[in-house]
Amino acid sequence: MPFFFATPSGRTLTELDHARLSHLIDVHRVSHWQRADVVPSRQVAPDVVTLYSLIEVQRPGQPGPHKLALCYPDDAEPEQGFVSVLSPMGMALLGLRLGDTARWREPSGEASQATIVAMLFQPESSGDYST
């Protein structure tokens, strides 16, 4: 069954991320999502951003890339680089691939973007299919 995302389609979600996000969407009443391909966790490509992936992103006008990890809302600590998957940035990044550019609107309404320049850790690539 397709999942829905707030930003452009062409995304890939693991079955586990899909199940957990479906629950979060119900709890937090998130809407306006577009389709994403859902694949078994063992079959997700190693360059796809999944929950708890550690990535580097480059934002326009910033001197260098910065690290961040996508997490569940209760684990979010933006100042420490833990970005909630339900934040505009988190929703824009989840399911994209290395080299893709995420685009979203900040709570202020300002347009933002970031290019994924490095995949430092993906749970599924290390054999963790349950995080």
N, C-alpha and C. Protein backbone atom coordinates (compact mmCIF):
# COMPACT_ATOMS: atom_id res chain seq x y z
N MET A 1 0.84 -1.18 0.00
CA MET A 1 0.00 0.00 0.00
C MET A 1 0.89 1.24 0.00
N PRO A 2 0.62 2.21 -0.86
CA PRO A 2 1.48 3.39 -0.93
C PRO A 2 1.38 4.24 0.33
N PHE A 3 2.46 4.93 0.61
CA PHE A 3 2.54 5.86 1.72
C PHE A 3 2.46 7.24 1.10
N PHE A 4 2.21 8.25 1.88
CA PHE A 4 2.06 9.58 1.32
C PHE A 4 3.05 10.55 1.93
N PHE A 5 3.60 11.43 1.09
CA PHE A 5 4.63 12.37 1.51
C PHE A 5 4.31 13.79 1.12
N ALA A 6 4.83 14.73 1.89
CA ALA A 6 4.54 16.15 1.70
C ALA A 6 5.35 16.78 0.58
N THR A 7 6.31 16.09 0.05
CA THR A 7 7.19 16.66 -0.96
C THR A 7 7.25 15.71 -2.15
N PRO A 8 8.02 15.99 -3.18
CA PRO A 8 7.96 15.23 -4.42
C PRO A 8 8.07 13.72 -4.25
N SER A 9 7.37 13.00 -5.15
CA SER A 9 7.40 11.55 -5.11
C SER A 9 8.75 11.04 -5.60
N GLY A 10 8.88 9.72 -5.81
CA GLY A 10 10.16 9.16 -6.18
C GLY A 10 10.94 8.76 -4.94
N ARG A 11 10.25 8.52 -3.86
CA ARG A 11 10.85 8.16 -2.58
C ARG A 11 10.72 6.68 -2.35
N THR A 12 11.57 6.19 -1.44
CA THR A 12 11.51 4.80 -1.03
C THR A 12 11.45 4.75 0.48
N LEU A 13 10.50 3.97 1.00
CA LEU A 13 10.38 3.74 2.44
C LEU A 13 10.49 2.26 2.72
N THR A 14 11.10 1.90 3.85
CA THR A 14 11.09 0.50 4.25
C THR A 14 9.72 0.18 4.82
N GLU A 15 9.39 -1.12 4.84
CA GLU A 15 8.12 -1.53 5.41
C GLU A 15 8.01 -1.10 6.87
N LEU A 16 9.11 -1.20 7.62
CA LEU A 16 9.10 -0.82 9.03
C LEU A 16 8.88 0.69 9.18
N ASP A 17 9.59 1.51 8.41
CA ASP A 17 9.37 2.95 8.47
C ASP A 17 7.94 3.29 8.08
N HIS A 18 7.41 2.61 7.07
CA HIS A 18 6.04 2.84 6.64
C HIS A 18 5.06 2.55 7.77
N ALA A 19 5.23 1.42 8.44
CA ALA A 19 4.32 1.06 9.53
C ALA A 19 4.40 2.07 10.67
N ARG A 20 5.62 2.43 11.06
CA ARG A 20 5.78 3.37 12.16
C ARG A 20 5.27 4.76 11.80
N LEU A 21 5.52 5.20 10.59
CA LEU A 21 5.06 6.52 10.17
C LEU A 21 3.55 6.56 10.02
N SER A 22 2.97 5.46 9.58
CA SER A 22 1.50 5.41 9.50
C SER A 22 0.89 5.67 10.86
N HIS A 23 1.50 5.09 11.90
CA HIS A 23 1.02 5.33 13.27
C HIS A 23 1.23 6.79 13.66
N LEU A 24 2.41 7.34 13.38
CA LEU A 24 2.69 8.73 13.73
C LEU A 24 1.73 9.69 13.03
N ILE A 25 1.43 9.38 11.78
CA ILE A 25 0.52 10.24 11.02
C ILE A 25 -0.85 10.26 11.67
N ASP A 26 -1.30 9.08 12.12
CA ASP A 26 -2.59 9.02 12.80
C ASP A 26 -2.56 9.83 14.09
N VAL A 27 -1.49 9.68 14.87
CA VAL A 27 -1.37 10.36 16.16
C VAL A 27 -1.23 11.87 15.98
N HIS A 28 -0.39 12.29 15.03
CA HIS A 28 -0.11 13.73 14.85
C HIS A 28 -0.96 14.38 13.77
N ARG A 29 -1.81 13.58 13.13
CA ARG A 29 -2.74 14.08 12.11
C ARG A 29 -2.03 14.83 10.98
N VAL A 30 -0.96 14.25 10.49
CA VAL A 30 -0.23 14.82 9.35
C VAL A 30 -1.01 14.47 8.08
N SER A 31 -1.07 15.40 7.15
CA SER A 31 -1.79 15.14 5.90
C SER A 31 -1.02 15.74 4.73
N HIS A 32 -1.59 15.65 3.55
CA HIS A 32 -1.02 16.20 2.32
C HIS A 32 0.28 15.49 1.94
N TRP A 33 0.27 14.19 1.91
CA TRP A 33 1.47 13.43 1.56
C TRP A 33 1.31 12.82 0.18
N GLN A 34 2.41 12.66 -0.51
CA GLN A 34 2.41 12.04 -1.83
C GLN A 34 2.94 10.62 -1.72
N ARG A 35 2.85 9.88 -2.81
CA ARG A 35 3.23 8.47 -2.83
C ARG A 35 4.72 8.23 -2.65
N ALA A 36 5.01 7.07 -2.06
CA ALA A 36 6.38 6.59 -1.95
C ALA A 36 6.35 5.09 -2.15
N ASP A 37 7.42 4.53 -2.73
CA ASP A 37 7.54 3.09 -2.88
C ASP A 37 7.89 2.49 -1.53
N VAL A 38 7.24 1.38 -1.18
CA VAL A 38 7.51 0.69 0.08
C VAL A 38 8.20 -0.62 -0.26
N VAL A 39 9.37 -0.85 0.35
CA VAL A 39 10.16 -2.06 0.09
C VAL A 39 10.51 -2.74 1.41
N PRO A 40 10.74 -4.06 1.37
CA PRO A 40 11.21 -4.73 2.59
C PRO A 40 12.52 -4.10 3.06
N SER A 41 12.71 -4.02 4.38
CA SER A 41 13.91 -3.39 4.94
C SER A 41 15.19 -3.99 4.40
N ARG A 42 15.19 -5.29 4.16
CA ARG A 42 16.39 -5.96 3.66
C ARG A 42 16.69 -5.63 2.20
N GLN A 43 15.74 -4.99 1.53
CA GLN A 43 15.93 -4.68 0.11
C GLN A 43 16.12 -3.19 -0.18
N VAL A 44 16.14 -2.35 0.86
CA VAL A 44 16.30 -0.92 0.61
C VAL A 44 17.75 -0.65 0.17
N ALA A 45 17.88 0.20 -0.82
CA ALA A 45 19.22 0.55 -1.33
C ALA A 45 20.01 1.27 -0.24
N PRO A 46 21.33 1.10 -0.21
CA PRO A 46 22.15 1.69 0.84
C PRO A 46 22.26 3.21 0.78
N ASP A 47 21.80 3.83 -0.30
CA ASP A 47 21.88 5.29 -0.40
C ASP A 47 20.55 5.98 -0.14
N VAL A 48 19.56 5.24 0.39
CA VAL A 48 18.25 5.81 0.70
C VAL A 48 18.23 6.25 2.16
N VAL A 49 17.74 7.47 2.41
CA VAL A 49 17.63 7.99 3.77
C VAL A 49 16.44 7.32 4.45
N THR A 50 16.74 6.54 5.51
CA THR A 50 15.72 5.89 6.32
C THR A 50 15.76 6.49 7.72
N LEU A 51 14.80 6.12 8.55
CA LEU A 51 14.83 6.61 9.92
C LEU A 51 16.10 6.17 10.62
N TYR A 52 16.69 7.07 11.33
CA TYR A 52 17.95 6.91 12.06
C TYR A 52 19.17 6.80 11.15
N SER A 53 19.01 7.18 9.89
CA SER A 53 20.19 7.34 9.03
C SER A 53 20.92 8.59 9.48
N LEU A 54 22.24 8.55 9.40
CA LEU A 54 23.08 9.71 9.68
C LEU A 54 23.61 10.20 8.34
N ILE A 55 23.28 11.42 8.00
CA ILE A 55 23.65 11.97 6.69
C ILE A 55 24.35 13.31 6.86
N GLU A 56 24.98 13.75 5.78
CA GLU A 56 25.48 15.11 5.69
C GLU A 56 24.70 15.81 4.61
N VAL A 57 24.28 17.02 4.91
CA VAL A 57 23.56 17.83 3.93
C VAL A 57 24.28 19.16 3.75
N GLN A 58 24.17 19.65 2.54
CA GLN A 58 24.73 20.98 2.21
C GLN A 58 23.57 21.89 1.88
N ARG A 59 23.48 22.99 2.61
CA ARG A 59 22.44 23.98 2.35
C ARG A 59 23.07 25.16 1.63
N PRO A 60 22.36 25.75 0.68
CA PRO A 60 22.89 26.90 -0.06
C PRO A 60 23.28 28.02 0.90
N GLY A 61 24.42 28.62 0.61
CA GLY A 61 24.88 29.75 1.39
C GLY A 61 25.59 29.38 2.68
N GLN A 62 25.69 28.10 2.99
CA GLN A 62 26.42 27.69 4.18
C GLN A 62 27.81 27.21 3.76
N PRO A 63 28.81 27.43 4.60
CA PRO A 63 30.19 27.15 4.20
C PRO A 63 30.52 25.67 4.02
N GLY A 64 29.83 24.80 4.69
CA GLY A 64 30.14 23.38 4.56
C GLY A 64 28.95 22.53 4.95
N PRO A 65 29.04 21.23 4.67
CA PRO A 65 27.92 20.36 5.03
C PRO A 65 27.82 20.19 6.54
N HIS A 66 26.63 19.81 7.00
CA HIS A 66 26.46 19.48 8.41
C HIS A 66 25.74 18.15 8.55
N LYS A 67 26.03 17.46 9.66
CA LYS A 67 25.48 16.13 9.92
C LYS A 67 24.12 16.25 10.58
N LEU A 68 23.24 15.30 10.22
CA LEU A 68 21.98 15.18 10.93
C LEU A 68 21.47 13.75 10.83
N ALA A 69 20.63 13.40 11.77
CA ALA A 69 20.00 12.09 11.79
C ALA A 69 18.49 12.29 11.87
N LEU A 70 17.73 11.53 11.08
CA LEU A 70 16.28 11.58 11.16
C LEU A 70 15.83 10.70 12.30
N CYS A 71 14.89 11.18 13.10
CA CYS A 71 14.44 10.41 14.25
C CYS A 71 12.94 10.62 14.46
N TYR A 72 12.40 9.91 15.44
CA TYR A 72 11.01 10.08 15.82
C TYR A 72 10.87 11.37 16.62
N PRO A 73 9.67 11.94 16.66
CA PRO A 73 9.49 13.23 17.34
C PRO A 73 9.99 13.26 18.79
N ASP A 74 9.79 12.19 19.53
CA ASP A 74 10.22 12.18 20.93
C ASP A 74 11.74 12.22 21.09
N ASP A 75 12.48 11.83 20.05
CA ASP A 75 13.94 11.81 20.10
C ASP A 75 14.58 13.06 19.50
N ALA A 76 13.76 13.96 18.98
CA ALA A 76 14.28 15.13 18.27
C ALA A 76 15.03 16.08 19.19
N GLU A 77 16.21 16.46 18.76
CA GLU A 77 17.04 17.49 19.40
C GLU A 77 17.74 18.23 18.27
N PRO A 78 17.04 19.14 17.61
CA PRO A 78 17.60 19.80 16.42
C PRO A 78 18.98 20.41 16.64
N GLU A 79 19.22 20.98 17.82
CA GLU A 79 20.52 21.59 18.09
C GLU A 79 21.65 20.56 18.09
N GLN A 80 21.30 19.30 18.36
CA GLN A 80 22.28 18.22 18.38
C GLN A 80 22.30 17.44 17.06
N GLY A 81 21.49 17.87 16.09
CA GLY A 81 21.46 17.21 14.79
C GLY A 81 20.43 16.10 14.66
N PHE A 82 19.54 15.93 15.65
CA PHE A 82 18.48 14.93 15.58
C PHE A 82 17.19 15.62 15.15
N VAL A 83 16.82 15.40 13.89
CA VAL A 83 15.70 16.09 13.27
C VAL A 83 14.49 15.17 13.22
N SER A 84 13.36 15.64 13.72
CA SER A 84 12.13 14.84 13.69
C SER A 84 11.70 14.56 12.26
N VAL A 85 11.30 13.33 12.04
CA VAL A 85 10.81 12.94 10.73
C VAL A 85 9.52 13.69 10.38
N LEU A 86 8.81 14.19 11.38
CA LEU A 86 7.58 14.93 11.11
C LEU A 86 7.80 16.42 10.94
N SER A 87 9.04 16.89 11.08
CA SER A 87 9.34 18.30 10.81
C SER A 87 9.33 18.50 9.30
N PRO A 88 9.18 19.73 8.85
CA PRO A 88 9.22 19.96 7.40
C PRO A 88 10.51 19.42 6.76
N MET A 89 11.65 19.65 7.41
CA MET A 89 12.92 19.16 6.86
C MET A 89 12.96 17.64 6.88
N GLY A 90 12.53 17.03 7.98
CA GLY A 90 12.54 15.58 8.09
C GLY A 90 11.67 14.92 7.04
N MET A 91 10.47 15.45 6.84
CA MET A 91 9.57 14.89 5.83
C MET A 91 10.16 15.04 4.43
N ALA A 92 10.87 16.14 4.21
CA ALA A 92 11.46 16.38 2.90
C ALA A 92 12.63 15.43 2.62
N LEU A 93 13.37 15.02 3.66
CA LEU A 93 14.56 14.18 3.47
C LEU A 93 14.26 12.68 3.42
N LEU A 94 13.30 12.22 4.21
CA LEU A 94 13.05 10.79 4.31
C LEU A 94 12.71 10.18 2.96
N GLY A 95 13.41 9.10 2.63
CA GLY A 95 13.14 8.38 1.40
C GLY A 95 13.91 8.87 0.19
N LEU A 96 14.63 9.99 0.33
CA LEU A 96 15.45 10.48 -0.78
C LEU A 96 16.76 9.68 -0.83
N ARG A 97 17.52 9.89 -1.89
CA ARG A 97 18.79 9.20 -2.08
C ARG A 97 19.96 10.17 -2.04
N LEU A 98 21.13 9.63 -1.81
CA LEU A 98 22.36 10.39 -1.86
C LEU A 98 22.39 11.18 -3.17
N GLY A 99 22.67 12.48 -3.08
CA GLY A 99 22.71 13.35 -4.25
C GLY A 99 21.42 14.10 -4.51
N ASP A 100 20.31 13.63 -3.92
CA ASP A 100 19.02 14.31 -4.10
C ASP A 100 18.99 15.61 -3.30
N THR A 101 18.16 16.53 -3.74
CA THR A 101 17.94 17.78 -3.03
C THR A 101 16.53 17.80 -2.46
N ALA A 102 16.44 17.98 -1.16
CA ALA A 102 15.15 18.10 -0.48
C ALA A 102 14.75 19.57 -0.47
N ARG A 103 13.46 19.79 -0.63
CA ARG A 103 12.92 21.16 -0.58
C ARG A 103 11.72 21.16 0.34
N TRP A 104 11.61 22.21 1.17
CA TRP A 104 10.51 22.31 2.11
C TRP A 104 10.30 23.76 2.48
N ARG A 105 9.24 24.00 3.22
CA ARG A 105 8.95 25.33 3.74
C ARG A 105 9.16 25.31 5.25
N GLU A 106 9.90 26.29 5.73
CA GLU A 106 10.11 26.45 7.17
C GLU A 106 8.78 26.88 7.80
N PRO A 107 8.65 26.73 9.13
CA PRO A 107 7.42 27.20 9.79
C PRO A 107 7.12 28.68 9.50
N SER A 108 8.16 29.46 9.23
CA SER A 108 7.98 30.88 8.89
C SER A 108 7.41 31.07 7.49
N GLY A 109 7.41 29.99 6.69
CA GLY A 109 6.95 30.09 5.31
C GLY A 109 8.08 30.21 4.31
N GLU A 110 9.29 30.43 4.81
CA GLU A 110 10.46 30.58 3.94
C GLU A 110 10.81 29.24 3.27
N ALA A 111 11.12 29.29 1.97
CA ALA A 111 11.53 28.10 1.23
C ALA A 111 12.96 27.73 1.61
N SER A 112 13.20 26.44 1.85
CA SER A 112 14.54 25.95 2.19
C SER A 112 14.85 24.72 1.36
N GLN A 113 16.13 24.40 1.28
CA GLN A 113 16.55 23.20 0.58
C GLN A 113 17.89 22.74 1.12
N ALA A 114 18.17 21.46 0.89
CA ALA A 114 19.44 20.87 1.28
C ALA A 114 19.71 19.68 0.38
N THR A 115 20.94 19.54 -0.04
CA THR A 115 21.36 18.41 -0.87
C THR A 115 22.05 17.38 0.02
N ILE A 116 21.70 16.13 -0.16
CA ILE A 116 22.30 15.04 0.61
C ILE A 116 23.65 14.74 -0.04
N VAL A 117 24.73 15.04 0.68
CA VAL A 117 26.07 14.91 0.11
C VAL A 117 26.84 13.69 0.64
N ALA A 118 26.36 13.09 1.74
CA ALA A 118 27.02 11.89 2.26
C ALA A 118 26.04 11.07 3.08
N MET A 119 26.15 9.75 2.95
CA MET A 119 25.41 8.82 3.79
C MET A 119 26.45 8.23 4.73
N LEU A 120 26.42 8.65 5.99
CA LEU A 120 27.40 8.21 6.96
C LEU A 120 26.99 6.92 7.65
N PHE A 121 25.68 6.70 7.79
CA PHE A 121 25.17 5.49 8.43
C PHE A 121 23.72 5.30 8.03
N GLN A 122 23.39 4.07 7.67
CA GLN A 122 22.01 3.68 7.42
C GLN A 122 21.79 2.39 8.20
N PRO A 123 20.82 2.34 9.11
CA PRO A 123 20.65 1.14 9.93
C PRO A 123 20.54 -0.15 9.11
N GLU A 124 19.79 -0.10 8.05
CA GLU A 124 19.57 -1.31 7.25
C GLU A 124 20.86 -1.82 6.62
N SER A 125 21.73 -0.91 6.20
CA SER A 125 23.01 -1.32 5.60
C SER A 125 23.92 -2.02 6.59
N SER A 126 23.73 -1.72 7.88
CA SER A 126 24.56 -2.37 8.90
C SER A 126 23.88 -3.62 9.46
N GLY A 127 22.75 -4.02 8.87
CA GLY A 127 22.07 -5.22 9.30
C GLY A 127 21.03 -4.99 10.38
N ASP A 128 20.75 -3.74 10.71
CA ASP A 128 19.74 -3.43 11.71
C ASP A 128 18.41 -3.16 10.99
N TYR A 129 17.50 -4.11 11.11
CA TYR A 129 16.22 -3.98 10.43
C TYR A 129 15.09 -3.68 11.40
N SER A 130 15.42 -3.32 12.64
CA SER A 130 14.38 -3.11 13.63
C SER A 130 14.47 -1.78 14.37
N THR A 131 15.47 -0.94 14.07
CA THR A 131 15.59 0.35 14.77
C THR A 131 14.54 1.32 14.31
